[in-house]
Amino acid sequence: MISAEFCFEKGRYTAFAVSGHAMFANYGQDIVCASVSSALQLTVNGITEILKISAEVKVGENEISLKLPQDCSDTAANTLMCAFCLQLQLLAEDYPKSLKLIISEV
């Protein structure tokens, strides 16, 4: 199962971490994994490459996390993170055995 945890603080998304495997289908045919990976890459690249925000991005074995700088008030970054969270919420509704979403208010 893929686990996606979002941190929500003072009305804004500040961080997320995504880890695990969807286990919906065989490697290369897993539409849940492909959907999450695509949305994740779009969000990280949008924040770091397009918006040029110096977010802390960590890539590990089956885990990717992003944390915005503490002083970041960029509305576009929040919009991208909100859209990413919404996409994962919709996927979790369709594939509840493959994706778990956690939103933590700090």
PDB file of N, CA and C in Angstrom:
ATOM      1  N   MET A   1       0.837  -1.177   0.000  1.00  0.00           N
ATOM      2  CA  MET A   1       0.000   0.000   0.000  1.00  0.00           C
ATOM      3  C   MET A   1       0.889   1.250   0.000  1.00  0.00           C
ATOM      4  N   ILE A   2       0.444   2.245  -0.761  1.00  0.00           N
ATOM      5  CA  ILE A   2       1.115   3.539  -0.755  1.00  0.00           C
ATOM      6  C   ILE A   2       0.518   4.345   0.384  1.00  0.00           C
ATOM      7  N   SER A   3       1.386   4.995   1.136  1.00  0.00           N
ATOM      8  CA  SER A   3       0.957   5.884   2.206  1.00  0.00           C
ATOM      9  C   SER A   3       1.407   7.293   1.843  1.00  0.00           C
ATOM     10  N   ALA A   4       0.476   8.229   1.898  1.00  0.00           N
ATOM     11  CA  ALA A   4       0.791   9.629   1.607  1.00  0.00           C
ATOM     12  C   ALA A   4       0.343  10.467   2.788  1.00  0.00           C
ATOM     13  N   GLU A   5       1.296  11.168   3.401  1.00  0.00           N
ATOM     14  CA  GLU A   5       0.976  11.998   4.555  1.00  0.00           C
ATOM     15  C   GLU A   5       1.260  13.456   4.224  1.00  0.00           C
ATOM     16  N   PHE A   6       0.270  14.288   4.473  1.00  0.00           N
ATOM     17  CA  PHE A   6       0.383  15.728   4.241  1.00  0.00           C
ATOM     18  C   PHE A   6       0.337  16.461   5.571  1.00  0.00           C
ATOM     19  N   CYS A   7       1.159  17.485   5.710  1.00  0.00           N
ATOM     20  CA  CYS A   7       1.130  18.358   6.884  1.00  0.00           C
ATOM     21  C   CYS A   7       0.422  19.650   6.491  1.00  0.00           C
ATOM     22  N   PHE A   8      -0.537  20.026   7.292  1.00  0.00           N
ATOM     23  CA  PHE A   8      -1.345  21.214   7.059  1.00  0.00           C
ATOM     24  C   PHE A   8      -1.181  22.117   8.273  1.00  0.00           C
ATOM     25  N   GLU A   9      -0.689  23.329   8.035  1.00  0.00           N
ATOM     26  CA  GLU A   9      -0.392  24.233   9.142  1.00  0.00           C
ATOM     27  C   GLU A   9      -0.834  25.644   8.804  1.00  0.00           C
ATOM     28  N   LYS A  10      -1.607  26.236   9.679  1.00  0.00           N
ATOM     29  CA  LYS A  10      -2.074  27.620   9.521  1.00  0.00           C
ATOM     30  C   LYS A  10      -2.736  27.855   8.165  1.00  0.00           C
ATOM     31  N   GLY A  11      -3.589  26.898   7.759  1.00  0.00           N
ATOM     32  CA  GLY A  11      -4.346  27.049   6.527  1.00  0.00           C
ATOM     33  C   GLY A  11      -3.595  26.757   5.247  1.00  0.00           C
ATOM     34  N   ARG A  12      -2.397  26.149   5.371  1.00  0.00           N
ATOM     35  CA  ARG A  12      -1.578  25.863   4.181  1.00  0.00           C
ATOM     36  C   ARG A  12      -0.949  24.473   4.298  1.00  0.00           C
ATOM     37  N   TYR A  13      -0.715  23.876   3.160  1.00  0.00           N
ATOM     38  CA  TYR A  13       0.073  22.642   3.132  1.00  0.00           C
ATOM     39  C   TYR A  13       1.545  23.031   3.232  1.00  0.00           C
ATOM     40  N   THR A  14       2.270  22.344   4.108  1.00  0.00           N
ATOM     41  CA  THR A  14       3.678  22.686   4.317  1.00  0.00           C
ATOM     42  C   THR A  14       4.631  21.560   3.936  1.00  0.00           C
ATOM     43  N   ALA A  15       4.125  20.325   3.892  1.00  0.00           N
ATOM     44  CA  ALA A  15       5.002  19.188   3.604  1.00  0.00           C
ATOM     45  C   ALA A  15       4.170  17.973   3.226  1.00  0.00           C
ATOM     46  N   PHE A  16       4.822  17.034   2.572  1.00  0.00           N
ATOM     47  CA  PHE A  16       4.217  15.727   2.339  1.00  0.00           C
ATOM     48  C   PHE A  16       5.311  14.678   2.237  1.00  0.00           C
ATOM     49  N   ALA A  17       4.911  13.430   2.485  1.00  0.00           N
ATOM     50  CA  ALA A  17       5.797  12.276   2.323  1.00  0.00           C
ATOM     51  C   ALA A  17       4.972  11.147   1.726  1.00  0.00           C
ATOM     52  N   VAL A  18       5.504  10.526   0.705  1.00  0.00           N
ATOM     53  CA  VAL A  18       4.828   9.430   0.021  1.00  0.00           C
ATOM     54  C   VAL A  18       5.759   8.231   0.044  1.00  0.00           C
ATOM     55  N   SER A  19       5.227   7.083   0.461  1.00  0.00           N
ATOM     56  CA  SER A  19       6.070   5.889   0.541  1.00  0.00           C
ATOM     57  C   SER A  19       5.256   4.635   0.250  1.00  0.00           C
ATOM     58  N   GLY A  20       5.974   3.570  -0.070  1.00  0.00           N
ATOM     59  CA  GLY A  20       5.350   2.265  -0.261  1.00  0.00           C
ATOM     60  C   GLY A  20       5.096   1.907  -1.708  1.00  0.00           C
ATOM     61  N   HIS A  21       4.370   0.808  -1.872  1.00  0.00           N
ATOM     62  CA  HIS A  21       4.000   0.290  -3.186  1.00  0.00           C
ATOM     63  C   HIS A  21       2.493   0.078  -3.225  1.00  0.00           C
ATOM     64  N   ALA A  22       1.875   0.353  -4.346  1.00  0.00           N
ATOM     65  CA  ALA A  22       0.430   0.197  -4.482  1.00  0.00           C
ATOM     66  C   ALA A  22       0.010  -1.270  -4.471  1.00  0.00           C
ATOM     67  N   MET A  23       0.819  -2.120  -5.082  1.00  0.00           N
ATOM     68  CA  MET A  23       0.525  -3.551  -5.163  1.00  0.00           C
ATOM     69  C   MET A  23      -0.822  -3.827  -5.854  1.00  0.00           C
ATOM     70  N   PHE A  24      -1.212  -2.932  -6.756  1.00  0.00           N
ATOM     71  CA  PHE A  24      -2.465  -3.109  -7.487  1.00  0.00           C
ATOM     72  C   PHE A  24      -2.292  -4.086  -8.642  1.00  0.00           C
ATOM     73  N   ALA A  25      -1.120  -4.041  -9.274  1.00  0.00           N
ATOM     74  CA  ALA A  25      -0.828  -4.910 -10.418  1.00  0.00           C
ATOM     75  C   ALA A  25       0.679  -5.138 -10.472  1.00  0.00           C
ATOM     76  N   ASN A  26       1.105  -5.935 -11.435  1.00  0.00           N
ATOM     77  CA  ASN A  26       2.529  -6.220 -11.599  1.00  0.00           C
ATOM     78  C   ASN A  26       3.301  -4.957 -11.975  1.00  0.00           C
ATOM     79  N   TYR A  27       4.593  -4.975 -11.664  1.00  0.00           N
ATOM     80  CA  TYR A  27       5.479  -3.866 -12.001  1.00  0.00           C
ATOM     81  C   TYR A  27       5.338  -3.528 -13.491  1.00  0.00           C
ATOM     82  N   GLY A  28       5.210  -2.259 -13.783  1.00  0.00           N
ATOM     83  CA  GLY A  28       5.058  -1.813 -15.165  1.00  0.00           C
ATOM     84  C   GLY A  28       3.619  -1.782 -15.642  1.00  0.00           C
ATOM     85  N   GLN A  29       2.711  -2.348 -14.836  1.00  0.00           N
ATOM     86  CA  GLN A  29       1.299  -2.374 -15.212  1.00  0.00           C
ATOM     87  C   GLN A  29       0.405  -1.806 -14.112  1.00  0.00           C
ATOM     88  N   ASP A  30       1.022  -1.264 -13.080  1.00  0.00           N
ATOM     89  CA  ASP A  30       0.285  -0.785 -11.915  1.00  0.00           C
ATOM     90  C   ASP A  30      -0.178   0.655 -12.147  1.00  0.00           C
ATOM     91  N   ILE A  31      -1.462   0.813 -12.475  1.00  0.00           N
ATOM     92  CA  ILE A  31      -1.991   2.143 -12.794  1.00  0.00           C
ATOM     93  C   ILE A  31      -2.057   3.051 -11.572  1.00  0.00           C
ATOM     94  N   VAL A  32      -2.199   2.476 -10.383  1.00  0.00           N
ATOM     95  CA  VAL A  32      -2.235   3.292  -9.172  1.00  0.00           C
ATOM     96  C   VAL A  32      -0.848   3.882  -8.918  1.00  0.00           C
ATOM     97  N   CYS A  33       0.166   3.040  -9.013  1.00  0.00           N
ATOM     98  CA  CYS A  33       1.544   3.500  -8.821  1.00  0.00           C
ATOM     99  C   CYS A  33       1.897   4.569  -9.863  1.00  0.00           C
ATOM    100  N   ALA A  34       1.536   4.330 -11.094  1.00  0.00           N
ATOM    101  CA  ALA A  34       1.840   5.285 -12.160  1.00  0.00           C
ATOM    102  C   ALA A  34       1.127   6.623 -11.929  1.00  0.00           C
ATOM    103  N   SER A  35      -0.109   6.567 -11.477  1.00  0.00           N
ATOM    104  CA  SER A  35      -0.871   7.794 -11.221  1.00  0.00           C
ATOM    105  C   SER A  35      -0.256   8.604 -10.086  1.00  0.00           C
ATOM    106  N   VAL A  36       0.083   7.920  -9.003  1.00  0.00           N
ATOM    107  CA  VAL A  36       0.687   8.608  -7.857  1.00  0.00           C
ATOM    108  C   VAL A  36       2.052   9.170  -8.245  1.00  0.00           C
ATOM    109  N   SER A  37       2.861   8.373  -8.935  1.00  0.00           N
ATOM    110  CA  SER A  37       4.205   8.815  -9.327  1.00  0.00           C
ATOM    111  C   SER A  37       4.150  10.036 -10.234  1.00  0.00           C
ATOM    112  N   SER A  38       3.240  10.030 -11.181  1.00  0.00           N
ATOM    113  CA  SER A  38       3.118  11.154 -12.108  1.00  0.00           C
ATOM    114  C   SER A  38       2.689  12.427 -11.387  1.00  0.00           C
ATOM    115  N   ALA A  39       1.684  12.323 -10.534  1.00  0.00           N
ATOM    116  CA  ALA A  39       1.213  13.490  -9.787  1.00  0.00           C
ATOM    117  C   ALA A  39       2.297  13.997  -8.834  1.00  0.00           C
ATOM    118  N   LEU A  40       3.028  13.086  -8.237  1.00  0.00           N
ATOM    119  CA  LEU A  40       4.117  13.439  -7.318  1.00  0.00           C
ATOM    120  C   LEU A  40       5.226  14.188  -8.044  1.00  0.00           C
ATOM    121  N   GLN A  41       5.656  13.661  -9.184  1.00  0.00           N
ATOM    122  CA  GLN A  41       6.721  14.315  -9.951  1.00  0.00           C
ATOM    123  C   GLN A  41       6.286  15.684 -10.440  1.00  0.00           C
ATOM    124  N   LEU A  42       5.064  15.805 -10.889  1.00  0.00           N
ATOM    125  CA  LEU A  42       4.546  17.099 -11.345  1.00  0.00           C
ATOM    126  C   LEU A  42       4.579  18.116 -10.207  1.00  0.00           C
ATOM    127  N   THR A  43       4.165  17.701  -9.020  1.00  0.00           N
ATOM    128  CA  THR A  43       4.133  18.609  -7.877  1.00  0.00           C
ATOM    129  C   THR A  43       5.532  19.033  -7.455  1.00  0.00           C
ATOM    130  N   VAL A  44       6.428  18.071  -7.293  1.00  0.00           N
ATOM    131  CA  VAL A  44       7.800  18.390  -6.875  1.00  0.00           C
ATOM    132  C   VAL A  44       8.483  19.276  -7.915  1.00  0.00           C
ATOM    133  N   ASN A  45       8.383  18.917  -9.182  1.00  0.00           N
ATOM    134  CA  ASN A  45       9.016  19.723 -10.230  1.00  0.00           C
ATOM    135  C   ASN A  45       8.381  21.103 -10.361  1.00  0.00           C
ATOM    136  N   GLY A  46       7.075  21.188 -10.188  1.00  0.00           N
ATOM    137  CA  GLY A  46       6.413  22.482 -10.252  1.00  0.00           C
ATOM    138  C   GLY A  46       6.905  23.418  -9.163  1.00  0.00           C
ATOM    139  N   ILE A  47       7.067  22.870  -7.961  1.00  0.00           N
ATOM    140  CA  ILE A  47       7.518  23.690  -6.832  1.00  0.00           C
ATOM    141  C   ILE A  47       8.992  24.052  -6.963  1.00  0.00           C
ATOM    142  N   THR A  48       9.833  23.069  -7.255  1.00  0.00           N
ATOM    143  CA  THR A  48      11.279  23.323  -7.239  1.00  0.00           C
ATOM    144  C   THR A  48      11.821  23.905  -8.542  1.00  0.00           C
ATOM    145  N   GLU A  49      11.314  23.468  -9.666  1.00  0.00           N
ATOM    146  CA  GLU A  49      11.873  23.893 -10.956  1.00  0.00           C
ATOM    147  C   GLU A  49      11.129  25.064 -11.588  1.00  0.00           C
ATOM    148  N   ILE A  50       9.822  25.079 -11.480  1.00  0.00           N
ATOM    149  CA  ILE A  50       9.038  26.144 -12.102  1.00  0.00           C
ATOM    150  C   ILE A  50       8.931  27.358 -11.175  1.00  0.00           C
ATOM    151  N   LEU A  51       8.561  27.106  -9.911  1.00  0.00           N
ATOM    152  CA  LEU A  51       8.426  28.204  -8.958  1.00  0.00           C
ATOM    153  C   LEU A  51       9.753  28.595  -8.314  1.00  0.00           C
ATOM    154  N   LYS A  52      10.765  27.748  -8.490  1.00  0.00           N
ATOM    155  CA  LYS A  52      12.116  28.009  -7.960  1.00  0.00           C
ATOM    156  C   LYS A  52      12.137  28.173  -6.440  1.00  0.00           C
ATOM    157  N   ILE A  53      11.322  27.376  -5.751  1.00  0.00           N
ATOM    158  CA  ILE A  53      11.291  27.400  -4.288  1.00  0.00           C
ATOM    159  C   ILE A  53      12.296  26.375  -3.777  1.00  0.00           C
ATOM    160  N   SER A  54      13.107  26.780  -2.840  1.00  0.00           N
ATOM    161  CA  SER A  54      14.148  25.900  -2.282  1.00  0.00           C
ATOM    162  C   SER A  54      13.541  24.964  -1.242  1.00  0.00           C
ATOM    163  N   ALA A  55      12.690  24.086  -1.697  1.00  0.00           N
ATOM    164  CA  ALA A  55      12.058  23.112  -0.809  1.00  0.00           C
ATOM    165  C   ALA A  55      13.062  22.012  -0.477  1.00  0.00           C
ATOM    166  N   GLU A  56      12.891  21.423   0.682  1.00  0.00           N
ATOM    167  CA  GLU A  56      13.719  20.286   1.082  1.00  0.00           C
ATOM    168  C   GLU A  56      13.082  19.025   0.498  1.00  0.00           C
ATOM    169  N   VAL A  57      13.757  18.413  -0.453  1.00  0.00           N
ATOM    170  CA  VAL A  57      13.253  17.200  -1.096  1.00  0.00           C
ATOM    171  C   VAL A  57      14.186  16.059  -0.732  1.00  0.00           C
ATOM    172  N   LYS A  58      13.592  14.978  -0.239  1.00  0.00           N
ATOM    173  CA  LYS A  58      14.367  13.785   0.102  1.00  0.00           C
ATOM    174  C   LYS A  58      13.834  12.612  -0.691  1.00  0.00           C
ATOM    175  N   VAL A  59      14.762  11.896  -1.319  1.00  0.00           N
ATOM    176  CA  VAL A  59      14.400  10.711  -2.092  1.00  0.00           C
ATOM    177  C   VAL A  59      15.128   9.532  -1.475  1.00  0.00           C
ATOM    178  N   GLY A  60      14.372   8.541  -1.042  1.00  0.00           N
ATOM    179  CA  GLY A  60      14.947   7.357  -0.434  1.00  0.00           C
ATOM    180  C   GLY A  60      14.380   6.104  -1.065  1.00  0.00           C
ATOM    181  N   GLU A  61      14.654   4.997  -0.461  1.00  0.00           N
ATOM    182  CA  GLU A  61      14.128   3.715  -0.925  1.00  0.00           C
ATOM    183  C   GLU A  61      12.615   3.717  -0.741  1.00  0.00           C
ATOM    184  N   ASN A  62      11.881   3.799  -1.829  1.00  0.00           N
ATOM    185  CA  ASN A  62      10.414   3.792  -1.816  1.00  0.00           C
ATOM    186  C   ASN A  62       9.797   4.932  -1.009  1.00  0.00           C
ATOM    187  N   GLU A  63      10.478   6.063  -0.946  1.00  0.00           N
ATOM    188  CA  GLU A  63       9.924   7.205  -0.226  1.00  0.00           C
ATOM    189  C   GLU A  63      10.442   8.510  -0.816  1.00  0.00           C
ATOM    190  N   ILE A  64       9.516   9.459  -0.970  1.00  0.00           N
ATOM    191  CA  ILE A  64       9.866  10.798  -1.412  1.00  0.00           C
ATOM    192  C   ILE A  64       9.119  11.775  -0.510  1.00  0.00           C
ATOM    193  N   SER A  65       9.836  12.786  -0.046  1.00  0.00           N
ATOM    194  CA  SER A  65       9.185  13.798   0.784  1.00  0.00           C
ATOM    195  C   SER A  65       9.591  15.187   0.310  1.00  0.00           C
ATOM    196  N   LEU A  66       8.731  16.125   0.597  1.00  0.00           N
ATOM    197  CA  LEU A  66       8.990  17.527   0.275  1.00  0.00           C
ATOM    198  C   LEU A  66       8.519  18.362   1.450  1.00  0.00           C
ATOM    199  N   LYS A  67       9.369  19.311   1.842  1.00  0.00           N
ATOM    200  CA  LYS A  67       9.020  20.251   2.908  1.00  0.00           C
ATOM    201  C   LYS A  67       9.330  21.649   2.415  1.00  0.00           C
ATOM    202  N   LEU A  68       8.329  22.508   2.443  1.00  0.00           N
ATOM    203  CA  LEU A  68       8.522  23.893   2.030  1.00  0.00           C
ATOM    204  C   LEU A  68       9.341  24.629   3.091  1.00  0.00           C
ATOM    205  N   PRO A  69      10.076  25.666   2.672  1.00  0.00           N
ATOM    206  CA  PRO A  69      10.786  26.484   3.660  1.00  0.00           C
ATOM    207  C   PRO A  69       9.783  27.079   4.654  1.00  0.00           C
ATOM    208  N   GLN A  70      10.213  27.266   5.882  1.00  0.00           N
ATOM    209  CA  GLN A  70       9.321  27.745   6.938  1.00  0.00           C
ATOM    210  C   GLN A  70       8.689  29.088   6.602  1.00  0.00           C
ATOM    211  N   ASP A  71       9.401  29.936   5.890  1.00  0.00           N
ATOM    212  CA  ASP A  71       8.894  31.265   5.568  1.00  0.00           C
ATOM    213  C   ASP A  71       8.179  31.326   4.215  1.00  0.00           C
ATOM    214  N   CYS A  72       7.910  30.181   3.616  1.00  0.00           N
ATOM    215  CA  CYS A  72       7.282  30.162   2.287  1.00  0.00           C
ATOM    216  C   CYS A  72       5.805  30.537   2.390  1.00  0.00           C
ATOM    217  N   SER A  73       5.436  31.573   1.677  1.00  0.00           N
ATOM    218  CA  SER A  73       4.030  31.987   1.636  1.00  0.00           C
ATOM    219  C   SER A  73       3.527  32.024   0.194  1.00  0.00           C
ATOM    220  N   ASP A  74       4.216  31.313  -0.674  1.00  0.00           N
ATOM    221  CA  ASP A  74       3.885  31.292  -2.095  1.00  0.00           C
ATOM    222  C   ASP A  74       2.535  30.596  -2.300  1.00  0.00           C
ATOM    223  N   THR A  75       1.561  31.321  -2.826  1.00  0.00           N
ATOM    224  CA  THR A  75       0.236  30.742  -3.016  1.00  0.00           C
ATOM    225  C   THR A  75       0.237  29.675  -4.107  1.00  0.00           C
ATOM    226  N   ALA A  76       1.091  29.814  -5.093  1.00  0.00           N
ATOM    227  CA  ALA A  76       1.157  28.806  -6.161  1.00  0.00           C
ATOM    228  C   ALA A  76       1.651  27.475  -5.616  1.00  0.00           C
ATOM    229  N   ALA A  77       2.614  27.498  -4.698  1.00  0.00           N
ATOM    230  CA  ALA A  77       3.107  26.253  -4.089  1.00  0.00           C
ATOM    231  C   ALA A  77       1.994  25.584  -3.300  1.00  0.00           C
ATOM    232  N   ASN A  78       1.232  26.370  -2.550  1.00  0.00           N
ATOM    233  CA  ASN A  78       0.117  25.811  -1.794  1.00  0.00           C
ATOM    234  C   ASN A  78      -0.940  25.236  -2.736  1.00  0.00           C
ATOM    235  N   THR A  79      -1.180  25.916  -3.846  1.00  0.00           N
ATOM    236  CA  THR A  79      -2.152  25.429  -4.821  1.00  0.00           C
ATOM    237  C   THR A  79      -1.710  24.097  -5.410  1.00  0.00           C
ATOM    238  N   LEU A  80      -0.431  23.979  -5.752  1.00  0.00           N
ATOM    239  CA  LEU A  80       0.083  22.707  -6.282  1.00  0.00           C
ATOM    240  C   LEU A  80      -0.050  21.585  -5.252  1.00  0.00           C
ATOM    241  N   MET A  81       0.280  21.877  -4.010  1.00  0.00           N
ATOM    242  CA  MET A  81       0.178  20.845  -2.975  1.00  0.00           C
ATOM    243  C   MET A  81      -1.277  20.476  -2.708  1.00  0.00           C
ATOM    244  N   CYS A  82      -2.161  21.450  -2.760  1.00  0.00           N
ATOM    245  CA  CYS A  82      -3.591  21.199  -2.590  1.00  0.00           C
ATOM    246  C   CYS A  82      -4.123  20.320  -3.722  1.00  0.00           C
ATOM    247  N   ALA A  83      -3.717  20.607  -4.937  1.00  0.00           N
ATOM    248  CA  ALA A  83      -4.134  19.812  -6.091  1.00  0.00           C
ATOM    249  C   ALA A  83      -3.593  18.382  -6.001  1.00  0.00           C
ATOM    250  N   PHE A  84      -2.344  18.240  -5.552  1.00  0.00           N
ATOM    251  CA  PHE A  84      -1.750  16.916  -5.370  1.00  0.00           C
ATOM    252  C   PHE A  84      -2.529  16.125  -4.319  1.00  0.00           C
ATOM    253  N   CYS A  85      -2.845  16.765  -3.217  1.00  0.00           N
ATOM    254  CA  CYS A  85      -3.616  16.105  -2.166  1.00  0.00           C
ATOM    255  C   CYS A  85      -4.994  15.684  -2.682  1.00  0.00           C
ATOM    256  N   LEU A  86      -5.655  16.562  -3.421  1.00  0.00           N
ATOM    257  CA  LEU A  86      -6.964  16.236  -3.997  1.00  0.00           C
ATOM    258  C   LEU A  86      -6.862  15.045  -4.936  1.00  0.00           C
ATOM    259  N   GLN A  87      -5.838  15.031  -5.785  1.00  0.00           N
ATOM    260  CA  GLN A  87      -5.658  13.911  -6.712  1.00  0.00           C
ATOM    261  C   GLN A  87      -5.509  12.601  -5.948  1.00  0.00           C
ATOM    262  N   LEU A  88      -4.724  12.619  -4.878  1.00  0.00           N
ATOM    263  CA  LEU A  88      -4.536  11.402  -4.094  1.00  0.00           C
ATOM    264  C   LEU A  88      -5.804  11.013  -3.338  1.00  0.00           C
ATOM    265  N   GLN A  89      -6.591  11.991  -2.889  1.00  0.00           N
ATOM    266  CA  GLN A  89      -7.870  11.693  -2.247  1.00  0.00           C
ATOM    267  C   GLN A  89      -8.799  10.952  -3.207  1.00  0.00           C
ATOM    268  N   LEU A  90      -8.846  11.424  -4.440  1.00  0.00           N
ATOM    269  CA  LEU A  90      -9.709  10.792  -5.440  1.00  0.00           C
ATOM    270  C   LEU A  90      -9.221   9.373  -5.772  1.00  0.00           C
ATOM    271  N   LEU A  91      -7.913   9.216  -5.886  1.00  0.00           N
ATOM    272  CA  LEU A  91      -7.358   7.880  -6.132  1.00  0.00           C
ATOM    273  C   LEU A  91      -7.622   6.946  -4.957  1.00  0.00           C
ATOM    274  N   ALA A  92      -7.493   7.456  -3.735  1.00  0.00           N
ATOM    275  CA  ALA A  92      -7.731   6.632  -2.546  1.00  0.00           C
ATOM    276  C   ALA A  92      -9.187   6.176  -2.475  1.00  0.00           C
ATOM    277  N   GLU A  93     -10.102   7.017  -2.933  1.00  0.00           N
ATOM    278  CA  GLU A  93     -11.516   6.614  -2.973  1.00  0.00           C
ATOM    279  C   GLU A  93     -11.729   5.468  -3.953  1.00  0.00           C
ATOM    280  N   ASP A  94     -11.053   5.519  -5.097  1.00  0.00           N
ATOM    281  CA  ASP A  94     -11.195   4.482  -6.117  1.00  0.00           C
ATOM    282  C   ASP A  94     -10.400   3.221  -5.799  1.00  0.00           C
ATOM    283  N   TYR A  95      -9.281   3.359  -5.087  1.00  0.00           N
ATOM    284  CA  TYR A  95      -8.381   2.230  -4.808  1.00  0.00           C
ATOM    285  C   TYR A  95      -8.010   2.211  -3.320  1.00  0.00           C
ATOM    286  N   PRO A  96      -8.996   1.986  -2.442  1.00  0.00           N
ATOM    287  CA  PRO A  96      -8.734   2.070  -1.004  1.00  0.00           C
ATOM    288  C   PRO A  96      -7.762   1.012  -0.467  1.00  0.00           C
ATOM    289  N   LYS A  97      -7.574  -0.071  -1.169  1.00  0.00           N
ATOM    290  CA  LYS A  97      -6.636  -1.112  -0.724  1.00  0.00           C
ATOM    291  C   LYS A  97      -5.209  -0.834  -1.196  1.00  0.00           C
ATOM    292  N   SER A  98      -5.045   0.189  -2.028  1.00  0.00           N
ATOM    293  CA  SER A  98      -3.736   0.488  -2.599  1.00  0.00           C
ATOM    294  C   SER A  98      -3.140   1.815  -2.139  1.00  0.00           C
ATOM    295  N   LEU A  99      -3.979   2.695  -1.594  1.00  0.00           N
ATOM    296  CA  LEU A  99      -3.516   4.041  -1.237  1.00  0.00           C
ATOM    297  C   LEU A  99      -4.202   4.519   0.021  1.00  0.00           C
ATOM    298  N   LYS A 100      -3.379   4.952   0.985  1.00  0.00           N
ATOM    299  CA  LYS A 100      -3.884   5.513   2.241  1.00  0.00           C
ATOM    300  C   LYS A 100      -3.405   6.960   2.345  1.00  0.00           C
ATOM    301  N   LEU A 101      -4.317   7.848   2.651  1.00  0.00           N
ATOM    302  CA  LEU A 101      -4.009   9.271   2.744  1.00  0.00           C
ATOM    303  C   LEU A 101      -4.181   9.728   4.189  1.00  0.00           C
ATOM    304  N   ILE A 102      -3.191  10.470   4.682  1.00  0.00           N
ATOM    305  CA  ILE A 102      -3.231  11.017   6.042  1.00  0.00           C
ATOM    306  C   ILE A 102      -2.967  12.511   5.945  1.00  0.00           C
ATOM    307  N   ILE A 103      -3.835  13.304   6.559  1.00  0.00           N
ATOM    308  CA  ILE A 103      -3.612  14.750   6.613  1.00  0.00           C
ATOM    309  C   ILE A 103      -3.502  15.135   8.075  1.00  0.00           C
ATOM    310  N   SER A 104      -2.324  15.634   8.451  1.00  0.00           N
ATOM    311  CA  SER A 104      -2.061  16.006   9.841  1.00  0.00           C
ATOM    312  C   SER A 104      -2.039  17.513   9.969  1.00  0.00           C
ATOM    313  N   GLU A 105      -2.879  18.024  10.879  1.00  0.00           N
ATOM    314  CA  GLU A 105      -2.841  19.465  11.162  1.00  0.00           C
ATOM    315  C   GLU A 105      -1.848  19.702  12.277  1.00  0.00           C
ATOM    316  N   VAL A 106      -0.951  20.632  12.034  1.00  0.00           N
ATOM    317  CA  VAL A 106       0.089  20.943  13.008  1.00  0.00           C
ATOM    318  C   VAL A 106      -0.281  22.197  13.754  1.00  0.00           C
TER     319      VAL A 106
END
